[in-house]
N, C-alpha and C. Protein backbone atom coordinates (compact mmCIF):
# COMPACT_ATOMS: atom_id res chain seq x y z
N UNK A 1 -7.19 -6.87 -11.81
CA UNK A 1 -8.35 -5.95 -11.39
C UNK A 1 -8.46 -6.53 -9.71
N UNK A 2 -8.14 -7.64 -9.70
CA UNK A 2 -7.88 -8.47 -8.08
C UNK A 2 -7.07 -7.57 -7.35
N UNK A 3 -5.85 -7.18 -7.81
CA UNK A 3 -5.03 -6.45 -6.95
C UNK A 3 -5.59 -5.26 -6.72
N UNK A 4 -6.10 -4.53 -7.47
CA UNK A 4 -6.71 -3.16 -7.35
C UNK A 4 -7.99 -3.26 -6.31
N UNK A 5 -8.84 -4.25 -6.53
CA UNK A 5 -9.55 -4.34 -5.33
C UNK A 5 -9.07 -4.77 -4.06
N UNK A 6 -8.05 -5.58 -3.95
CA UNK A 6 -7.28 -5.81 -2.51
C UNK A 6 -6.60 -4.19 -1.99
N UNK A 7 -6.18 -3.76 -2.76
CA UNK A 7 -5.57 -2.08 -2.36
C UNK A 7 -6.65 -1.54 -1.75
N UNK A 8 -7.88 -1.63 -2.43
CA UNK A 8 -8.87 -0.56 -1.84
C UNK A 8 -9.53 -1.37 -0.82
N UNK A 9 -9.72 -2.21 -0.55
CA UNK A 9 -10.43 -3.03 0.63
C UNK A 9 -9.31 -2.82 1.70
N UNK A 10 -8.24 -2.93 1.53
CA UNK A 10 -7.22 -2.44 2.48
C UNK A 10 -7.53 -1.30 3.27
N UNK A 11 -7.24 -0.12 2.35
CA UNK A 11 -7.66 1.11 3.17
C UNK A 11 -9.04 1.11 4.12
N UNK A 12 -9.96 0.65 3.08
CA UNK A 12 -11.51 0.64 3.76
C UNK A 12 -11.16 -0.13 5.19
N UNK A 13 -10.71 -1.27 5.49
CA UNK A 13 -10.46 -2.26 6.57
C UNK A 13 -9.52 -1.65 7.62
N UNK A 14 -8.77 -0.71 7.31
CA UNK A 14 -7.61 -0.19 8.34
C UNK A 14 -7.98 1.34 8.59
N UNK A 15 -9.02 1.83 8.18
CA UNK A 15 -9.25 3.34 8.58
C UNK A 15 -10.45 3.32 9.57
N UNK A 16 -9.96 3.86 10.92
CA UNK A 16 -10.60 3.65 12.17
C UNK A 16 -11.63 4.57 12.57
N UNK A 17 -11.98 5.59 11.51
CA UNK A 17 -12.70 6.48 11.36
C UNK A 17 -13.83 5.74 10.52
N UNK A 18 -13.74 5.44 9.60
CA UNK A 18 -14.63 4.80 8.63
C UNK A 18 -15.17 3.69 9.85
N UNK A 19 -14.61 2.63 10.25
CA UNK A 19 -15.22 1.51 10.70
C UNK A 19 -16.04 2.04 11.88
N UNK A 20 -15.74 3.22 12.92
CA UNK A 20 -16.26 3.63 13.52
C UNK A 20 -17.92 4.26 13.27
N UNK A 21 -17.84 4.94 12.18
CA UNK A 21 -19.07 5.24 11.75
C UNK A 21 -19.61 4.46 11.42
N UNK A 22 -19.35 3.38 10.74
CA UNK A 22 -20.09 1.93 10.33
C UNK A 22 -20.71 1.53 11.48
N UNK A 23 -19.93 1.47 12.65
CA UNK A 23 -20.31 0.68 13.34
C UNK A 23 -21.10 1.18 14.87
N UNK A 24 -20.74 2.10 15.16
CA UNK A 24 -21.36 3.09 16.61
C UNK A 24 -22.66 3.74 15.97
N UNK A 25 -23.69 3.54 16.62
CA UNK A 25 -24.91 4.39 16.50
C UNK A 25 -24.32 5.47 17.72
N UNK A 26 -25.38 6.49 17.27
CA UNK A 26 -25.43 7.75 18.28
C UNK A 26 -26.68 8.08 18.47
N UNK A 27 -26.97 8.45 19.69
CA UNK A 27 -28.30 8.92 20.22
C UNK A 27 -28.58 10.66 19.90
N UNK A 28 -27.48 11.13 19.55
CA UNK A 28 -27.90 12.89 19.54
C UNK A 28 -26.32 13.27 18.93
N UNK A 29 -26.67 14.33 18.24
CA UNK A 29 -25.42 15.05 18.04
C UNK A 29 -24.19 15.19 18.63
N UNK A 30 -24.23 15.07 19.84
CA UNK A 30 -23.19 15.05 20.92
C UNK A 30 -22.43 13.81 21.26
N UNK A 31 -23.50 12.63 20.82
CA UNK A 31 -22.98 11.11 21.01
C UNK A 31 -22.39 10.99 19.63
N UNK A 32 -20.77 11.15 19.34
CA UNK A 32 -20.27 10.76 18.36
C UNK A 32 -19.77 9.56 18.22
N UNK A 33 -19.78 8.83 17.29
CA UNK A 33 -19.26 7.69 17.22
C UNK A 33 -17.48 7.80 17.32
N UNK A 34 -17.25 9.12 17.00
CA UNK A 34 -15.57 9.07 16.92
C UNK A 34 -14.90 9.39 18.38
N UNK A 35 -15.99 9.57 19.17
CA UNK A 35 -15.87 9.83 20.80
C UNK A 35 -14.45 8.62 21.38
N UNK A 36 -13.50 9.28 22.23
CA UNK A 36 -12.74 8.53 22.68
C UNK A 36 -13.13 7.60 23.65
N UNK A 37 -14.60 7.89 24.10
CA UNK A 37 -15.26 7.06 25.09
C UNK A 37 -15.58 5.44 24.36
N UNK A 38 -15.74 5.35 22.98
CA UNK A 38 -16.05 4.36 22.41
C UNK A 38 -14.80 3.75 22.24
N UNK A 39 -14.61 2.16 22.33
CA UNK A 39 -13.54 1.42 21.71
C UNK A 39 -12.97 1.42 20.29
N UNK A 40 -11.61 1.16 20.04
CA UNK A 40 -11.24 1.30 18.68
C UNK A 40 -11.47 -0.02 18.13
N UNK A 41 -12.14 0.10 17.00
CA UNK A 41 -12.30 -1.41 16.49
C UNK A 41 -11.04 -2.04 16.02
N UNK A 42 -10.12 -1.19 15.55
CA UNK A 42 -8.99 -2.03 15.31
C UNK A 42 -7.83 -2.38 16.38
N UNK A 43 -8.43 -2.19 17.47
CA UNK A 43 -7.53 -2.82 18.76
C UNK A 43 -8.01 -3.54 19.24
N UNK A 44 -9.33 -4.48 18.62
CA UNK A 44 -10.32 -5.72 19.37
C UNK A 44 -9.01 -6.76 18.72
N UNK A 45 -9.29 -8.06 19.48
CA UNK A 45 -8.82 -8.90 19.25
C UNK A 45 -8.93 -9.44 17.61
N UNK A 46 -8.16 -10.26 16.89
CA UNK A 46 -8.09 -10.14 15.39
C UNK A 46 -9.58 -11.05 15.32
N UNK A 47 -10.07 -12.24 15.72
CA UNK A 47 -11.19 -12.76 15.46
C UNK A 47 -12.37 -11.64 15.55
N UNK A 48 -12.30 -10.85 16.60
CA UNK A 48 -13.54 -9.67 16.83
C UNK A 48 -13.35 -8.63 16.27
N UNK A 49 -12.24 -8.38 15.26
CA UNK A 49 -11.97 -7.18 14.80
C UNK A 49 -12.57 -7.91 13.32
N UNK A 50 -12.25 -8.98 12.63
CA UNK A 50 -12.65 -9.43 11.57
C UNK A 50 -14.04 -9.63 11.45
N UNK A 51 -14.68 -10.35 12.43
CA UNK A 51 -16.34 -10.10 12.77
C UNK A 51 -16.95 -9.13 12.31
N UNK A 52 -16.43 -7.88 13.17
CA UNK A 52 -17.29 -6.85 12.92
C UNK A 52 -16.83 -6.51 11.46
N UNK A 53 -15.52 -6.30 10.83
CA UNK A 53 -15.38 -5.77 9.46
C UNK A 53 -16.13 -6.51 8.67
N UNK A 54 -16.20 -7.86 8.62
CA UNK A 54 -16.92 -8.54 7.32
C UNK A 54 -18.45 -8.16 8.06
N UNK A 55 -18.84 -7.83 8.81
CA UNK A 55 -20.19 -7.05 8.54
C UNK A 55 -20.56 -6.15 7.85
N UNK A 56 -19.32 -5.33 8.10
CA UNK A 56 -19.50 -3.65 7.81
C UNK A 56 -19.08 -3.22 6.52
N UNK A 57 -18.43 -4.46 6.02
CA UNK A 57 -17.49 -4.10 4.53
C UNK A 57 -17.73 -5.30 3.62
N UNK A 58 -18.45 -5.15 2.62
CA UNK A 58 -18.60 -6.37 1.60
C UNK A 58 -17.75 -6.18 0.40
N UNK A 59 -17.38 -7.13 -0.15
CA UNK A 59 -16.67 -7.08 -1.47
C UNK A 59 -17.77 -7.20 -2.79
N UNK A 60 -19.05 -7.02 -2.68
CA UNK A 60 -19.78 -7.65 -3.57
C UNK A 60 -21.19 -6.26 -3.23
N UNK A 61 -22.16 -6.21 -4.08
CA UNK A 61 -23.40 -5.67 -3.79
C UNK A 61 -24.12 -6.07 -3.12
N UNK A 62 -23.81 -6.66 -1.66
CA UNK A 62 -24.80 -7.43 -0.87
C UNK A 62 -25.64 -6.47 -0.02
N UNK A 63 -26.85 -6.37 -0.11
CA UNK A 63 -27.50 -5.63 0.85
C UNK A 63 -28.87 -6.13 1.39
N UNK A 64 -29.11 -7.38 0.86
CA UNK A 64 -30.52 -7.88 1.28
C UNK A 64 -30.57 -8.44 2.26
N UNK A 65 -29.35 -8.52 3.04
CA UNK A 65 -29.34 -9.11 4.41
C UNK A 65 -29.60 -8.00 5.36
N UNK A 66 -29.63 -6.74 5.28
CA UNK A 66 -29.69 -5.67 6.24
C UNK A 66 -30.95 -5.55 6.84
N UNK A 67 -31.20 -5.68 8.03
CA UNK A 67 -32.37 -5.48 9.06
C UNK A 67 -31.99 -4.28 10.06
N UNK A 68 -33.08 -4.22 10.60
CA UNK A 68 -33.17 -2.95 11.68
C UNK A 68 -32.09 -3.08 12.74
N UNK A 69 -31.28 -4.33 13.27
CA UNK A 69 -30.36 -4.44 14.04
C UNK A 69 -29.17 -4.14 13.29
N UNK A 70 -29.04 -4.04 12.32
CA UNK A 70 -27.96 -3.67 11.34
C UNK A 70 -26.90 -2.67 11.50
N UNK A 71 -25.69 -2.72 11.31
CA UNK A 71 -25.06 -1.36 11.27
C UNK A 71 -25.05 -0.64 9.73
N UNK A 72 -24.45 -0.01 9.45
CA UNK A 72 -24.11 0.69 8.48
C UNK A 72 -23.16 -0.33 7.66
N UNK A 73 -23.33 0.06 6.50
CA UNK A 73 -22.47 -1.08 5.25
C UNK A 73 -21.74 -0.16 4.29
N UNK A 74 -20.29 -0.64 4.13
CA UNK A 74 -20.01 -0.36 2.88
C UNK A 74 -19.94 -1.49 1.90
N UNK A 75 -20.30 -1.44 0.38
CA UNK A 75 -20.23 -2.48 -0.46
C UNK A 75 -19.25 -2.10 -1.71
N UNK A 76 -18.15 -2.64 -1.89
CA UNK A 76 -17.10 -2.17 -2.76
C UNK A 76 -16.88 -3.16 -3.92
N UNK A 77 -17.20 -2.82 -4.98
CA UNK A 77 -16.76 -3.90 -6.20
C UNK A 77 -16.55 -2.93 -7.30
N UNK A 78 -15.95 -3.98 -8.52
CA UNK A 78 -15.74 -3.19 -9.75
C UNK A 78 -17.22 -2.93 -10.57
N UNK A 79 -16.80 -1.99 -11.20
CA UNK A 79 -18.09 -1.41 -12.14
C UNK A 79 -17.52 -1.79 -13.77
N UNK A 80 -17.66 -0.65 -14.66
CA UNK A 80 -17.50 -0.73 -16.08
C UNK A 80 -15.93 -0.81 -16.18
N UNK A 81 -15.31 -1.25 -17.19
CA UNK A 81 -14.03 -1.33 -17.48
C UNK A 81 -14.18 -0.59 -19.10
N UNK A 82 -13.49 0.57 -19.53
CA UNK A 82 -13.69 1.55 -20.73
C UNK A 82 -12.09 1.50 -21.10
N UNK A 83 -12.15 1.10 -22.63
CA UNK A 83 -10.69 1.43 -23.16
C UNK A 83 -10.39 3.22 -23.28
N UNK A 84 -9.33 3.15 -23.47
CA UNK A 84 -8.41 4.34 -23.71
C UNK A 84 -7.50 4.36 -24.85
N UNK A 85 -7.16 5.70 -25.18
CA UNK A 85 -6.28 5.87 -26.37
C UNK A 85 -5.04 5.08 -26.20
N UNK A 86 -4.62 4.73 -24.92
CA UNK A 86 -3.68 4.02 -24.58
C UNK A 86 -3.75 2.71 -24.61
N UNK A 87 -3.11 1.65 -25.35
CA UNK A 87 -3.44 0.22 -25.62
C UNK A 87 -3.13 -0.60 -24.55
N UNK A 88 -2.25 -0.04 -23.59
CA UNK A 88 -1.77 -0.84 -22.24
C UNK A 88 -2.66 -0.40 -20.87
N UNK A 89 -3.59 0.89 -21.09
CA UNK A 89 -4.37 1.15 -20.11
C UNK A 89 -5.86 1.23 -20.30
N UNK A 90 -6.79 0.65 -19.36
CA UNK A 90 -8.10 0.83 -19.22
C UNK A 90 -8.54 2.04 -18.05
N UNK A 91 -9.58 2.22 -18.63
CA UNK A 91 -10.24 3.18 -17.47
C UNK A 91 -11.17 2.35 -16.58
N UNK A 92 -10.81 2.23 -15.39
CA UNK A 92 -11.77 1.23 -14.76
C UNK A 92 -12.57 1.66 -13.66
N UNK A 93 -13.49 1.32 -13.66
CA UNK A 93 -14.58 1.94 -12.37
C UNK A 93 -14.43 1.06 -11.10
N UNK A 94 -14.54 1.60 -9.59
CA UNK A 94 -14.70 1.07 -8.64
C UNK A 94 -16.02 1.72 -8.23
N UNK A 95 -16.97 1.01 -7.33
CA UNK A 95 -18.23 1.37 -7.00
C UNK A 95 -18.24 1.04 -5.51
N UNK A 96 -18.73 2.13 -5.00
CA UNK A 96 -19.16 2.03 -3.32
C UNK A 96 -20.60 2.60 -2.95
N UNK A 97 -21.31 1.41 -2.56
CA UNK A 97 -22.63 1.10 -2.12
C UNK A 97 -22.52 1.17 -0.65
N UNK A 98 -23.03 2.40 -0.08
CA UNK A 98 -23.08 3.26 1.42
C UNK A 98 -24.24 3.06 1.85
N UNK A 99 -24.76 2.36 2.82
CA UNK A 99 -26.15 2.13 3.43
C UNK A 99 -26.17 2.53 4.81
N UNK A 100 -27.14 3.25 5.42
CA UNK A 100 -27.06 3.53 6.77
C UNK A 100 -28.79 3.67 7.18
N UNK A 101 -28.97 2.95 8.49
CA UNK A 101 -30.33 2.86 9.12
C UNK A 101 -31.07 4.05 8.82
N UNK A 102 -32.12 4.44 8.59
CA UNK A 102 -32.57 5.62 8.57
C UNK A 102 -32.57 6.51 10.08
N UNK A 103 -32.92 5.46 10.97
CA UNK A 103 -32.58 6.36 12.48
C UNK A 103 -31.38 6.54 12.78
N UNK A 104 -30.16 6.13 11.94
CA UNK A 104 -28.93 6.67 12.45
C UNK A 104 -28.86 8.00 11.57
N UNK A 105 -29.01 8.10 10.54
CA UNK A 105 -28.96 9.19 9.48
C UNK A 105 -29.71 10.17 10.21
N UNK A 106 -30.74 10.11 10.70
CA UNK A 106 -31.92 10.96 11.30
C UNK A 106 -30.76 11.82 12.44
N UNK A 107 -30.03 10.91 13.11
CA UNK A 107 -29.42 11.68 14.27
C UNK A 107 -28.20 12.62 14.00
N UNK A 108 -27.34 12.23 12.70
CA UNK A 108 -26.15 12.78 12.91
C UNK A 108 -25.68 12.78 11.33
N UNK A 109 -26.92 12.76 10.41
CA UNK A 109 -26.36 12.59 8.87
C UNK A 109 -25.60 11.49 8.70
N UNK A 110 -25.60 10.53 9.02
CA UNK A 110 -24.67 9.27 8.79
C UNK A 110 -24.23 8.86 7.53
N UNK A 111 -25.31 8.98 6.64
CA UNK A 111 -25.03 8.65 5.24
C UNK A 111 -23.97 9.46 4.71
N UNK A 112 -24.02 10.74 4.90
CA UNK A 112 -23.12 11.84 4.36
C UNK A 112 -21.92 11.98 4.81
N UNK A 113 -21.87 11.72 6.12
CA UNK A 113 -20.62 11.32 7.20
C UNK A 113 -19.86 10.57 6.21
N UNK A 114 -20.22 9.41 6.27
CA UNK A 114 -19.65 8.15 5.63
C UNK A 114 -18.98 8.48 4.23
N UNK A 115 -19.96 9.10 3.44
CA UNK A 115 -19.30 9.47 2.05
C UNK A 115 -18.57 10.80 2.20
N UNK A 116 -18.41 11.22 2.67
CA UNK A 116 -17.51 12.10 3.01
C UNK A 116 -16.15 11.66 3.62
N UNK A 117 -16.37 10.74 4.31
CA UNK A 117 -14.89 9.95 4.69
C UNK A 117 -14.50 8.89 3.55
N UNK A 118 -15.31 8.38 3.02
CA UNK A 118 -14.74 7.78 1.62
C UNK A 118 -14.09 8.80 0.67
N UNK A 119 -14.80 9.85 0.72
CA UNK A 119 -14.18 10.83 -0.39
C UNK A 119 -12.80 11.20 0.16
N UNK A 120 -12.38 11.62 1.14
CA UNK A 120 -11.66 11.86 1.92
C UNK A 120 -10.52 10.66 1.76
N UNK A 121 -10.72 9.58 1.72
CA UNK A 121 -9.89 8.40 1.56
C UNK A 121 -9.36 8.22 -0.07
N UNK A 122 -10.43 8.19 -0.68
CA UNK A 122 -10.27 7.91 -2.24
C UNK A 122 -10.40 8.96 -3.09
N UNK A 123 -10.88 10.22 -2.94
CA UNK A 123 -11.05 11.19 -4.10
C UNK A 123 -9.79 11.96 -4.34
N UNK A 124 -9.39 11.78 -5.70
CA UNK A 124 -8.35 12.41 -5.92
C UNK A 124 -6.86 11.83 -5.31
N UNK A 125 -7.00 10.70 -5.09
CA UNK A 125 -5.52 10.05 -4.40
C UNK A 125 -5.23 9.10 -5.47
N UNK A 126 -3.79 8.57 -4.94
CA UNK A 126 -3.19 7.46 -5.67
C UNK A 126 -3.54 6.36 -4.89
N UNK A 127 -4.49 5.51 -5.06
CA UNK A 127 -4.54 4.89 -4.54
C UNK A 127 -4.13 3.11 -5.35
N UNK A 128 -4.38 3.13 -6.53
CA UNK A 128 -3.89 1.71 -6.75
C UNK A 128 -4.19 1.86 -8.50
N UNK A 129 -3.62 1.05 -9.10
CA UNK A 129 -3.65 1.14 -10.49
C UNK A 129 -2.35 2.18 -11.12
N UNK A 130 -3.22 3.25 -12.21
CA UNK A 130 -2.07 4.35 -12.79
C UNK A 130 -2.82 5.68 -12.26
N UNK A 131 -2.12 6.54 -12.03
CA UNK A 131 -2.90 7.91 -11.61
C UNK A 131 -3.74 8.00 -10.39
N UNK A 132 -4.40 8.94 -10.32
CA UNK A 132 -4.87 9.30 -9.13
C UNK A 132 -6.71 8.72 -9.51
N UNK A 133 -7.16 8.37 -8.43
CA UNK A 133 -8.82 8.02 -8.40
C UNK A 133 -9.69 9.27 -8.97
N UNK A 134 -10.52 9.60 -9.47
CA UNK A 134 -11.00 10.53 -9.72
C UNK A 134 -12.84 10.23 -9.82
N UNK A 135 -13.50 11.00 -9.10
CA UNK A 135 -14.84 10.90 -8.99
C UNK A 135 -15.50 10.82 -10.37
N UNK A 136 -16.38 9.93 -10.65
CA UNK A 136 -17.45 9.68 -11.76
C UNK A 136 -18.36 9.99 -11.62
N UNK A 137 -19.34 9.65 -10.57
CA UNK A 137 -20.62 10.00 -10.52
C UNK A 137 -21.28 9.49 -8.93
N UNK A 138 -22.13 9.95 -8.77
CA UNK A 138 -22.83 9.59 -7.41
C UNK A 138 -24.32 9.72 -7.34
N UNK A 139 -25.12 9.17 -6.44
CA UNK A 139 -26.60 9.24 -6.23
C UNK A 139 -26.83 8.23 -5.42
N UNK A 140 -28.38 8.95 -4.79
CA UNK A 140 -28.91 7.84 -4.13
C UNK A 140 -29.30 6.39 -4.82
N UNK A 141 -29.21 5.46 -3.86
CA UNK A 141 -29.80 3.92 -4.42
C UNK A 141 -30.94 3.33 -3.71
N UNK A 142 -31.25 2.50 -4.34
CA UNK A 142 -32.64 1.93 -3.73
C UNK A 142 -31.91 0.88 -2.68
N UNK A 143 -33.01 0.87 -1.62
CA UNK A 143 -32.23 -0.06 -0.43
C UNK A 143 -33.51 -0.70 0.01
N UNK A 144 -33.07 -1.68 1.02
CA UNK A 144 -33.91 -2.39 2.01
C UNK A 144 -34.86 -1.34 2.96
N UNK A 145 -35.90 -1.87 3.22
CA UNK A 145 -37.02 -0.96 4.15
C UNK A 145 -35.79 -0.52 5.62
N UNK A 146 -35.88 0.55 5.74
CA UNK A 146 -35.53 0.85 7.44
C UNK A 146 -34.03 1.63 6.92
N UNK A 147 -33.72 1.78 5.65
CA UNK A 147 -31.96 2.05 5.18
C UNK A 147 -32.36 3.09 4.08
N UNK A 148 -31.22 4.01 4.04
CA UNK A 148 -31.25 4.79 2.87
C UNK A 148 -29.63 4.42 2.54
N UNK A 149 -29.54 5.07 1.36
CA UNK A 149 -28.05 4.44 0.38
C UNK A 149 -27.80 5.63 -0.81
N UNK A 150 -26.34 5.52 -0.90
CA UNK A 150 -25.96 6.45 -1.88
C UNK A 150 -24.60 5.48 -2.53
N UNK A 151 -24.59 5.80 -3.75
CA UNK A 151 -23.31 5.09 -4.62
C UNK A 151 -22.49 6.13 -4.90
N UNK A 152 -21.56 5.76 -4.98
CA UNK A 152 -20.20 6.81 -5.25
C UNK A 152 -19.53 5.94 -6.09
N UNK A 153 -19.17 6.34 -7.42
CA UNK A 153 -18.37 5.71 -8.50
C UNK A 153 -16.93 6.65 -8.73
N UNK A 154 -15.66 6.12 -8.58
CA UNK A 154 -14.78 6.54 -9.21
C UNK A 154 -13.78 5.49 -10.34
N UNK A 155 -13.50 6.67 -10.91
CA UNK A 155 -12.00 5.80 -12.20
C UNK A 155 -10.79 5.91 -11.60
N UNK A 156 -10.15 4.78 -12.19
CA UNK A 156 -8.82 5.01 -11.98
C UNK A 156 -8.07 4.30 -13.43
N UNK A 157 -6.91 4.47 -13.84
CA UNK A 157 -6.32 3.88 -14.49
C UNK A 157 -5.81 2.19 -14.09
N UNK A 158 -6.17 1.41 -15.16
CA UNK A 158 -6.01 -0.23 -15.25
C UNK A 158 -5.02 -0.70 -15.91
N UNK A 159 -4.16 -1.22 -15.68
CA UNK A 159 -3.42 -1.84 -16.59
C UNK A 159 -4.20 -2.94 -17.09
N UNK A 160 -4.10 -3.07 -18.66
CA UNK A 160 -4.59 -4.35 -19.56
C UNK A 160 -3.74 -5.58 -19.27
N UNK A 161 -4.66 -6.58 -19.45
CA UNK A 161 -4.01 -7.79 -19.14
C UNK A 161 -4.19 -8.65 -20.20
């Protein structure tokens, strides 16, 4: 399971579009976080890049430290593991909790933009384990004041150990 999470985390931390959506606020629909006028996060020095990434992407379901000064956040962690008819393979859930400040979402539908980006990265893709990741379920989640949240759950085949 650790190897599966490492594969998933690597994809999240190496996607410039996702990082920009999580990091850069917008003042209007024309002020895109993907604009060439905004610096690439992956081009920053290693320490600055990882300081930014460590605030944007968490490997647990940690959201209680979000404040109005915070950026968006993605939390990624393992969900339920279920048996299959194959003695060597389990069906493993991976959970993405996505948080956006309400003010950001009110400008450019940031929460759904981030969800769409995660779906592009993981939905129906061969990422880790066996087979393609399949969308299991999604829905709104409770979060701290000033934020909105959405959960996306994917399933993939995982080798039983």
